[in-house]
């Protein structure tokens, strides 16, 4: 994942939420956050054997930035289990 992607998408989302009327930009930023979370989740699964510490860090980030009711969030929580 490119450094700063999460921060950039989150900043766009926050800025767009502050505007009146059309929340299209906020929705686009949320969609970008979900794509970033999916990429992080896939990267974490690849690190499961070689670098479990980094895997856990990535999964915690996925949980923080993804929709709490999404399947992705649930999957990340399932992989982490009690180590959440």
PDB file of N, CA and C in Angstrom:
ATOM      1  N   UNK A   1       0.840  -1.174   0.000  1.00  0.00           N
ATOM      2  CA  UNK A   1       0.000   0.000   0.000  1.00  0.00           C
ATOM      3  C   UNK A   1       0.886   1.239   0.000  1.00  0.00           C
ATOM      4  N   UNK A   2       0.554   2.173  -0.835  1.00  0.00           N
ATOM      5  CA  UNK A   2       1.302   3.417  -0.917  1.00  0.00           C
ATOM      6  C   UNK A   2       1.115   4.216   0.370  1.00  0.00           C
ATOM      7  N   UNK A   3       2.208   4.729   0.921  1.00  0.00           N
ATOM      8  CA  UNK A   3       2.139   5.503   2.162  1.00  0.00           C
ATOM      9  C   UNK A   3       1.211   6.693   1.996  1.00  0.00           C
ATOM     10  N   UNK A   4       0.379   6.901   2.981  1.00  0.00           N
ATOM     11  CA  UNK A   4      -0.502   8.057   2.979  1.00  0.00           C
ATOM     12  C   UNK A   4      -1.843   7.851   2.310  1.00  0.00           C
ATOM     13  N   UNK A   5      -2.105   6.708   1.681  1.00  0.00           N
ATOM     14  CA  UNK A   5      -3.382   6.486   1.008  1.00  0.00           C
ATOM     15  C   UNK A   5      -4.548   6.581   1.987  1.00  0.00           C
ATOM     16  N   UNK A   6      -4.389   5.928   3.125  1.00  0.00           N
ATOM     17  CA  UNK A   6      -5.455   5.932   4.126  1.00  0.00           C
ATOM     18  C   UNK A   6      -5.713   7.352   4.615  1.00  0.00           C
ATOM     19  N   UNK A   7      -4.641   8.062   4.964  1.00  0.00           N
ATOM     20  CA  UNK A   7      -4.780   9.414   5.483  1.00  0.00           C
ATOM     21  C   UNK A   7      -5.434  10.342   4.458  1.00  0.00           C
ATOM     22  N   UNK A   8      -5.048  10.191   3.196  1.00  0.00           N
ATOM     23  CA  UNK A   8      -5.601  11.025   2.131  1.00  0.00           C
ATOM     24  C   UNK A   8      -7.096  10.760   1.956  1.00  0.00           C
ATOM     25  N   UNK A   9      -7.471   9.492   1.876  1.00  0.00           N
ATOM     26  CA  UNK A   9      -8.883   9.152   1.691  1.00  0.00           C
ATOM     27  C   UNK A   9      -9.712   9.617   2.884  1.00  0.00           C
ATOM     28  N   UNK A  10      -9.177   9.449   4.084  1.00  0.00           N
ATOM     29  CA  UNK A  10      -9.890   9.871   5.279  1.00  0.00           C
ATOM     30  C   UNK A  10     -10.071  11.387   5.294  1.00  0.00           C
ATOM     31  N   UNK A  11      -9.037  12.121   4.905  1.00  0.00           N
ATOM     32  CA  UNK A  11      -9.129  13.585   4.862  1.00  0.00           C
ATOM     33  C   UNK A  11     -10.179  14.027   3.848  1.00  0.00           C
ATOM     34  N   UNK A  12     -10.231  13.381   2.693  1.00  0.00           N
ATOM     35  CA  UNK A  12     -11.256  13.704   1.694  1.00  0.00           C
ATOM     36  C   UNK A  12     -12.650  13.471   2.252  1.00  0.00           C
ATOM     37  N   UNK A  13     -12.809  12.352   2.924  1.00  0.00           N
ATOM     38  CA  UNK A  13     -14.100  12.002   3.502  1.00  0.00           C
ATOM     39  C   UNK A  13     -14.538  13.039   4.526  1.00  0.00           C
ATOM     40  N   UNK A  14     -13.627  13.395   5.446  1.00  0.00           N
ATOM     41  CA  UNK A  14     -13.951  14.380   6.474  1.00  0.00           C
ATOM     42  C   UNK A  14     -14.281  15.742   5.865  1.00  0.00           C
ATOM     43  N   UNK A  15     -13.508  16.147   4.862  1.00  0.00           N
ATOM     44  CA  UNK A  15     -13.764  17.436   4.220  1.00  0.00           C
ATOM     45  C   UNK A  15     -15.119  17.437   3.518  1.00  0.00           C
ATOM     46  N   UNK A  16     -15.410  16.354   2.829  1.00  0.00           N
ATOM     47  CA  UNK A  16     -16.662  16.277   2.094  1.00  0.00           C
ATOM     48  C   UNK A  16     -17.864  16.236   3.037  1.00  0.00           C
ATOM     49  N   UNK A  17     -17.721  15.618   4.193  1.00  0.00           N
ATOM     50  CA  UNK A  17     -18.824  15.570   5.147  1.00  0.00           C
ATOM     51  C   UNK A  17     -19.179  16.949   5.678  1.00  0.00           C
ATOM     52  N   UNK A  18     -18.209  17.841   5.706  1.00  0.00           N
ATOM     53  CA  UNK A  18     -18.451  19.186   6.210  1.00  0.00           C
ATOM     54  C   UNK A  18     -19.211  20.074   5.247  1.00  0.00           C
ATOM     55  N   UNK A  19     -19.376  19.647   4.033  1.00  0.00           N
ATOM     56  CA  UNK A  19     -20.077  20.454   3.029  1.00  0.00           C
ATOM     57  C   UNK A  19     -21.576  20.189   3.085  1.00  0.00           C
ATOM     58  N   UNK A  20     -22.334  21.185   2.728  1.00  0.00           N
ATOM     59  CA  UNK A  20     -23.787  21.040   2.674  1.00  0.00           C
ATOM     60  C   UNK A  20     -24.182  20.424   1.337  1.00  0.00           C
ATOM     61  N   UNK A  21     -25.306  19.746   1.325  1.00  0.00           N
ATOM     62  CA  UNK A  21     -25.860  19.237   0.071  1.00  0.00           C
ATOM     63  C   UNK A  21     -25.267  17.912  -0.359  1.00  0.00           C
ATOM     64  N   UNK A  22     -24.633  17.903  -1.521  1.00  0.00           N
ATOM     65  CA  UNK A  22     -24.153  16.692  -2.179  1.00  0.00           C
ATOM     66  C   UNK A  22     -23.017  16.036  -1.393  1.00  0.00           C
ATOM     67  N   UNK A  23     -23.227  14.800  -1.006  1.00  0.00           N
ATOM     68  CA  UNK A  23     -22.206  14.060  -0.275  1.00  0.00           C
ATOM     69  C   UNK A  23     -21.523  13.033  -1.172  1.00  0.00           C
ATOM     70  N   UNK A  24     -21.563  13.283  -2.464  1.00  0.00           N
ATOM     71  CA  UNK A  24     -20.940  12.366  -3.421  1.00  0.00           C
ATOM     72  C   UNK A  24     -19.457  12.184  -3.134  1.00  0.00           C
ATOM     73  N   UNK A  25     -18.769  13.270  -2.824  1.00  0.00           N
ATOM     74  CA  UNK A  25     -17.334  13.177  -2.530  1.00  0.00           C
ATOM     75  C   UNK A  25     -17.068  12.325  -1.297  1.00  0.00           C
ATOM     76  N   UNK A  26     -17.911  12.466  -0.278  1.00  0.00           N
ATOM     77  CA  UNK A  26     -17.745  11.656   0.927  1.00  0.00           C
ATOM     78  C   UNK A  26     -17.949  10.179   0.602  1.00  0.00           C
ATOM     79  N   UNK A  27     -18.942   9.876  -0.206  1.00  0.00           N
ATOM     80  CA  UNK A  27     -19.194   8.485  -0.588  1.00  0.00           C
ATOM     81  C   UNK A  27     -18.037   7.917  -1.400  1.00  0.00           C
ATOM     82  N   UNK A  28     -17.476   8.733  -2.295  1.00  0.00           N
ATOM     83  CA  UNK A  28     -16.331   8.294  -3.090  1.00  0.00           C
ATOM     84  C   UNK A  28     -15.116   8.044  -2.189  1.00  0.00           C
ATOM     85  N   UNK A  29     -14.915   8.915  -1.203  1.00  0.00           N
ATOM     86  CA  UNK A  29     -13.792   8.728  -0.283  1.00  0.00           C
ATOM     87  C   UNK A  29     -13.987   7.468   0.554  1.00  0.00           C
ATOM     88  N   UNK A  30     -15.222   7.201   0.979  1.00  0.00           N
ATOM     89  CA  UNK A  30     -15.495   5.977   1.737  1.00  0.00           C
ATOM     90  C   UNK A  30     -15.250   4.740   0.877  1.00  0.00           C
ATOM     91  N   UNK A  31     -15.626   4.816  -0.394  1.00  0.00           N
ATOM     92  CA  UNK A  31     -15.380   3.689  -1.299  1.00  0.00           C
ATOM     93  C   UNK A  31     -13.873   3.468  -1.453  1.00  0.00           C
ATOM     94  N   UNK A  32     -13.117   4.561  -1.517  1.00  0.00           N
ATOM     95  CA  UNK A  32     -11.665   4.437  -1.617  1.00  0.00           C
ATOM     96  C   UNK A  32     -11.091   3.808  -0.352  1.00  0.00           C
ATOM     97  N   UNK A  33     -11.595   4.207   0.812  1.00  0.00           N
ATOM     98  CA  UNK A  33     -11.149   3.599   2.068  1.00  0.00           C
ATOM     99  C   UNK A  33     -11.424   2.092   2.068  1.00  0.00           C
ATOM    100  N   UNK A  34     -12.576   1.694   1.554  1.00  0.00           N
ATOM    101  CA  UNK A  34     -12.910   0.268   1.498  1.00  0.00           C
ATOM    102  C   UNK A  34     -11.954  -0.482   0.573  1.00  0.00           C
ATOM    103  N   UNK A  35     -11.587   0.137  -0.550  1.00  0.00           N
ATOM    104  CA  UNK A  35     -10.618  -0.502  -1.464  1.00  0.00           C
ATOM    105  C   UNK A  35      -9.254  -0.641  -0.783  1.00  0.00           C
ATOM    106  N   UNK A  36      -8.845   0.393  -0.076  1.00  0.00           N
ATOM    107  CA  UNK A  36      -7.570   0.349   0.640  1.00  0.00           C
ATOM    108  C   UNK A  36      -7.627  -0.748   1.713  1.00  0.00           C
ATOM    109  N   UNK A  37      -8.736  -0.820   2.434  1.00  0.00           N
ATOM    110  CA  UNK A  37      -8.891  -1.850   3.469  1.00  0.00           C
ATOM    111  C   UNK A  37      -8.814  -3.244   2.862  1.00  0.00           C
ATOM    112  N   UNK A  38      -9.437  -3.442   1.708  1.00  0.00           N
ATOM    113  CA  UNK A  38      -9.393  -4.745   1.039  1.00  0.00           C
ATOM    114  C   UNK A  38      -7.953  -5.083   0.648  1.00  0.00           C
ATOM    115  N   UNK A  39      -7.215  -4.114   0.118  1.00  0.00           N
ATOM    116  CA  UNK A  39      -5.811  -4.345  -0.250  1.00  0.00           C
ATOM    117  C   UNK A  39      -4.972  -4.708   0.974  1.00  0.00           C
ATOM    118  N   UNK A  40      -5.200  -4.000   2.076  1.00  0.00           N
ATOM    119  CA  UNK A  40      -4.473  -4.289   3.314  1.00  0.00           C
ATOM    120  C   UNK A  40      -4.796  -5.687   3.830  1.00  0.00           C
ATOM    121  N   UNK A  41      -6.056  -6.072   3.732  1.00  0.00           N
ATOM    122  CA  UNK A  41      -6.470  -7.398   4.183  1.00  0.00           C
ATOM    123  C   UNK A  41      -5.763  -8.481   3.377  1.00  0.00           C
ATOM    124  N   UNK A  42      -5.727  -8.313   2.060  1.00  0.00           N
ATOM    125  CA  UNK A  42      -5.057  -9.293   1.205  1.00  0.00           C
ATOM    126  C   UNK A  42      -3.558  -9.353   1.499  1.00  0.00           C
ATOM    127  N   UNK A  43      -2.947  -8.182   1.725  1.00  0.00           N
ATOM    128  CA  UNK A  43      -1.525  -8.141   2.069  1.00  0.00           C
ATOM    129  C   UNK A  43      -1.281  -8.846   3.408  1.00  0.00           C
ATOM    130  N   UNK A  44      -2.177  -8.625   4.367  1.00  0.00           N
ATOM    131  CA  UNK A  44      -2.042  -9.257   5.677  1.00  0.00           C
ATOM    132  C   UNK A  44      -2.092 -10.783   5.563  1.00  0.00           C
ATOM    133  N   UNK A  45      -2.998 -11.292   4.761  1.00  0.00           N
ATOM    134  CA  UNK A  45      -3.104 -12.744   4.609  1.00  0.00           C
ATOM    135  C   UNK A  45      -1.830 -13.341   4.007  1.00  0.00           C
ATOM    136  N   UNK A  46      -1.179 -12.592   3.113  1.00  0.00           N
ATOM    137  CA  UNK A  46       0.067 -13.084   2.521  1.00  0.00           C
ATOM    138  C   UNK A  46       1.197 -13.113   3.552  1.00  0.00           C
ATOM    139  N   UNK A  47       1.105 -12.302   4.599  1.00  0.00           N
ATOM    140  CA  UNK A  47       2.148 -12.228   5.621  1.00  0.00           C
ATOM    141  C   UNK A  47       1.891 -13.151   6.813  1.00  0.00           C
ATOM    142  N   UNK A  48       0.797 -13.899   6.761  1.00  0.00           N
ATOM    143  CA  UNK A  48       0.379 -14.707   7.904  1.00  0.00           C
ATOM    144  C   UNK A  48       1.484 -15.616   8.427  1.00  0.00           C
ATOM    145  N   UNK A  49       2.269 -16.220   7.547  1.00  0.00           N
ATOM    146  CA  UNK A  49       3.322 -17.139   7.976  1.00  0.00           C
ATOM    147  C   UNK A  49       4.657 -16.413   8.140  1.00  0.00           C
ATOM    148  N   UNK A  50       4.998 -15.560   7.194  1.00  0.00           N
ATOM    149  CA  UNK A  50       6.330 -14.948   7.199  1.00  0.00           C
ATOM    150  C   UNK A  50       6.499 -13.810   8.203  1.00  0.00           C
ATOM    151  N   UNK A  51       5.426 -13.067   8.486  1.00  0.00           N
ATOM    152  CA  UNK A  51       5.532 -11.921   9.388  1.00  0.00           C
ATOM    153  C   UNK A  51       4.209 -11.720  10.145  1.00  0.00           C
ATOM    154  N   UNK A  52       3.935 -12.575  11.124  1.00  0.00           N
ATOM    155  CA  UNK A  52       2.648 -12.493  11.826  1.00  0.00           C
ATOM    156  C   UNK A  52       2.430 -11.181  12.592  1.00  0.00           C
ATOM    157  N   UNK A  53       3.493 -10.552  13.039  1.00  0.00           N
ATOM    158  CA  UNK A  53       3.346  -9.274  13.751  1.00  0.00           C
ATOM    159  C   UNK A  53       2.814  -8.213  12.801  1.00  0.00           C
ATOM    160  N   UNK A  54       3.408  -8.120  11.618  1.00  0.00           N
ATOM    161  CA  UNK A  54       2.945  -7.150  10.604  1.00  0.00           C
ATOM    162  C   UNK A  54       1.523  -7.487  10.157  1.00  0.00           C
ATOM    163  N   UNK A  55       1.226  -8.779  10.036  1.00  0.00           N
ATOM    164  CA  UNK A  55      -0.118  -9.199   9.654  1.00  0.00           C
ATOM    165  C   UNK A  55      -1.139  -8.650  10.641  1.00  0.00           C
ATOM    166  N   UNK A  56      -0.853  -8.768  11.931  1.00  0.00           N
ATOM    167  CA  UNK A  56      -1.778  -8.287  12.963  1.00  0.00           C
ATOM    168  C   UNK A  56      -1.947  -6.770  12.893  1.00  0.00           C
ATOM    169  N   UNK A  57      -0.859  -6.059  12.628  1.00  0.00           N
ATOM    170  CA  UNK A  57      -0.941  -4.596  12.491  1.00  0.00           C
ATOM    171  C   UNK A  57      -1.858  -4.220  11.329  1.00  0.00           C
ATOM    172  N   UNK A  58      -1.676  -4.897  10.204  1.00  0.00           N
ATOM    173  CA  UNK A  58      -2.498  -4.604   9.031  1.00  0.00           C
ATOM    174  C   UNK A  58      -3.964  -4.925   9.287  1.00  0.00           C
ATOM    175  N   UNK A  59      -4.231  -6.045   9.940  1.00  0.00           N
ATOM    176  CA  UNK A  59      -5.615  -6.420  10.219  1.00  0.00           C
ATOM    177  C   UNK A  59      -6.274  -5.425  11.177  1.00  0.00           C
ATOM    178  N   UNK A  60      -5.525  -4.921  12.132  1.00  0.00           N
ATOM    179  CA  UNK A  60      -6.077  -3.908  13.040  1.00  0.00           C
ATOM    180  C   UNK A  60      -6.402  -2.626  12.275  1.00  0.00           C
ATOM    181  N   UNK A  61      -5.562  -2.278  11.308  1.00  0.00           N
ATOM    182  CA  UNK A  61      -5.840  -1.113  10.469  1.00  0.00           C
ATOM    183  C   UNK A  61      -7.096  -1.338   9.639  1.00  0.00           C
ATOM    184  N   UNK A  62      -7.236  -2.540   9.094  1.00  0.00           N
ATOM    185  CA  UNK A  62      -8.440  -2.875   8.324  1.00  0.00           C
ATOM    186  C   UNK A  62      -9.682  -2.675   9.189  1.00  0.00           C
ATOM    187  N   UNK A  63      -9.630  -3.134  10.407  1.00  0.00           N
ATOM    188  CA  UNK A  63     -10.772  -3.002  11.314  1.00  0.00           C
ATOM    189  C   UNK A  63     -11.079  -1.529  11.583  1.00  0.00           C
ATOM    190  N   UNK A  64     -10.039  -0.730  11.722  1.00  0.00           N
ATOM    191  CA  UNK A  64     -10.234   0.696  12.011  1.00  0.00           C
ATOM    192  C   UNK A  64     -10.831   1.470  10.839  1.00  0.00           C
ATOM    193  N   UNK A  65     -10.430   1.127   9.612  1.00  0.00           N
ATOM    194  CA  UNK A  65     -10.848   1.955   8.477  1.00  0.00           C
ATOM    195  C   UNK A  65     -12.020   1.391   7.696  1.00  0.00           C
ATOM    196  N   UNK A  66     -12.394   0.143   7.949  1.00  0.00           N
ATOM    197  CA  UNK A  66     -13.504  -0.428   7.184  1.00  0.00           C
ATOM    198  C   UNK A  66     -14.820  -0.223   7.920  1.00  0.00           C
ATOM    199  N   UNK A  67     -15.888  -0.329   7.183  1.00  0.00           N
ATOM    200  CA  UNK A  67     -17.233  -0.239   7.741  1.00  0.00           C
ATOM    201  C   UNK A  67     -17.390  -1.323   8.806  1.00  0.00           C
ATOM    202  N   UNK A  68     -17.746  -0.962  10.030  1.00  0.00           N
ATOM    203  CA  UNK A  68     -17.810  -1.956  11.111  1.00  0.00           C
ATOM    204  C   UNK A  68     -18.792  -3.092  10.851  1.00  0.00           C
ATOM    205  N   UNK A  69     -19.749  -2.887   9.963  1.00  0.00           N
ATOM    206  CA  UNK A  69     -20.732  -3.923   9.662  1.00  0.00           C
ATOM    207  C   UNK A  69     -20.431  -4.665   8.374  1.00  0.00           C
ATOM    208  N   UNK A  70     -19.280  -4.396   7.795  1.00  0.00           N
ATOM    209  CA  UNK A  70     -18.942  -5.027   6.517  1.00  0.00           C
ATOM    210  C   UNK A  70     -18.402  -6.443   6.719  1.00  0.00           C
ATOM    211  N   UNK A  71     -18.510  -7.212   5.667  1.00  0.00           N
ATOM    212  CA  UNK A  71     -17.963  -8.571   5.687  1.00  0.00           C
ATOM    213  C   UNK A  71     -16.454  -8.529   5.872  1.00  0.00           C
ATOM    214  N   UNK A  72     -15.810  -7.539   5.256  1.00  0.00           N
ATOM    215  CA  UNK A  72     -14.357  -7.393   5.378  1.00  0.00           C
ATOM    216  C   UNK A  72     -13.949  -7.202   6.841  1.00  0.00           C
ATOM    217  N   UNK A  73     -14.665  -6.357   7.545  1.00  0.00           N
ATOM    218  CA  UNK A  73     -14.368  -6.108   8.956  1.00  0.00           C
ATOM    219  C   UNK A  73     -14.536  -7.399   9.759  1.00  0.00           C
ATOM    220  N   UNK A  74     -15.598  -8.125   9.489  1.00  0.00           N
ATOM    221  CA  UNK A  74     -15.846  -9.388  10.192  1.00  0.00           C
ATOM    222  C   UNK A  74     -14.746 -10.403   9.900  1.00  0.00           C
ATOM    223  N   UNK A  75     -14.318 -10.473   8.635  1.00  0.00           N
ATOM    224  CA  UNK A  75     -13.246 -11.398   8.259  1.00  0.00           C
ATOM    225  C   UNK A  75     -11.946 -11.056   8.990  1.00  0.00           C
ATOM    226  N   UNK A  76     -11.620  -9.771   9.056  1.00  0.00           N
ATOM    227  CA  UNK A  76     -10.395  -9.348   9.756  1.00  0.00           C
ATOM    228  C   UNK A  76     -10.477  -9.711  11.233  1.00  0.00           C
ATOM    229  N   UNK A  77     -11.636  -9.512  11.837  1.00  0.00           N
ATOM    230  CA  UNK A  77     -11.826  -9.869  13.247  1.00  0.00           C
ATOM    231  C   UNK A  77     -11.713 -11.380  13.449  1.00  0.00           C
ATOM    232  N   UNK A  78     -12.246 -12.143  12.500  1.00  0.00           N
ATOM    233  CA  UNK A  78     -12.158 -13.611  12.591  1.00  0.00           C
ATOM    234  C   UNK A  78     -10.711 -14.088  12.536  1.00  0.00           C
ATOM    235  N   UNK A  79      -9.915 -13.486  11.648  1.00  0.00           N
ATOM    236  CA  UNK A  79      -8.514 -13.888  11.518  1.00  0.00           C
ATOM    237  C   UNK A  79      -7.746 -13.535  12.792  1.00  0.00           C
ATOM    238  N   UNK A  80      -7.992 -12.352  13.332  1.00  0.00           N
ATOM    239  CA  UNK A  80      -7.313 -11.934  14.552  1.00  0.00           C
ATOM    240  C   UNK A  80      -7.776 -12.727  15.771  1.00  0.00           C
ATOM    241  N   UNK A  81      -9.035 -13.089  15.787  1.00  0.00           N
ATOM    242  CA  UNK A  81      -9.562 -13.856  16.913  1.00  0.00           C
ATOM    243  C   UNK A  81      -9.438 -13.100  18.221  1.00  0.00           C
ATOM    244  N   UNK A  82      -8.928 -13.753  19.224  1.00  0.00           N
ATOM    245  CA  UNK A  82      -8.813 -13.143  20.545  1.00  0.00           C
ATOM    246  C   UNK A  82      -7.665 -12.145  20.630  1.00  0.00           C
ATOM    247  N   UNK A  83      -6.827 -12.072  19.618  1.00  0.00           N
ATOM    248  CA  UNK A  83      -5.675 -11.153  19.631  1.00  0.00           C
ATOM    249  C   UNK A  83      -6.067  -9.745  19.217  1.00  0.00           C
ATOM    250  N   UNK A  84      -7.334  -9.511  19.078  1.00  0.00           N
ATOM    251  CA  UNK A  84      -7.851  -8.199  18.697  1.00  0.00           C
ATOM    252  C   UNK A  84      -7.503  -7.212  19.767  1.00  0.00           C
TER     253      UNK A  84
END
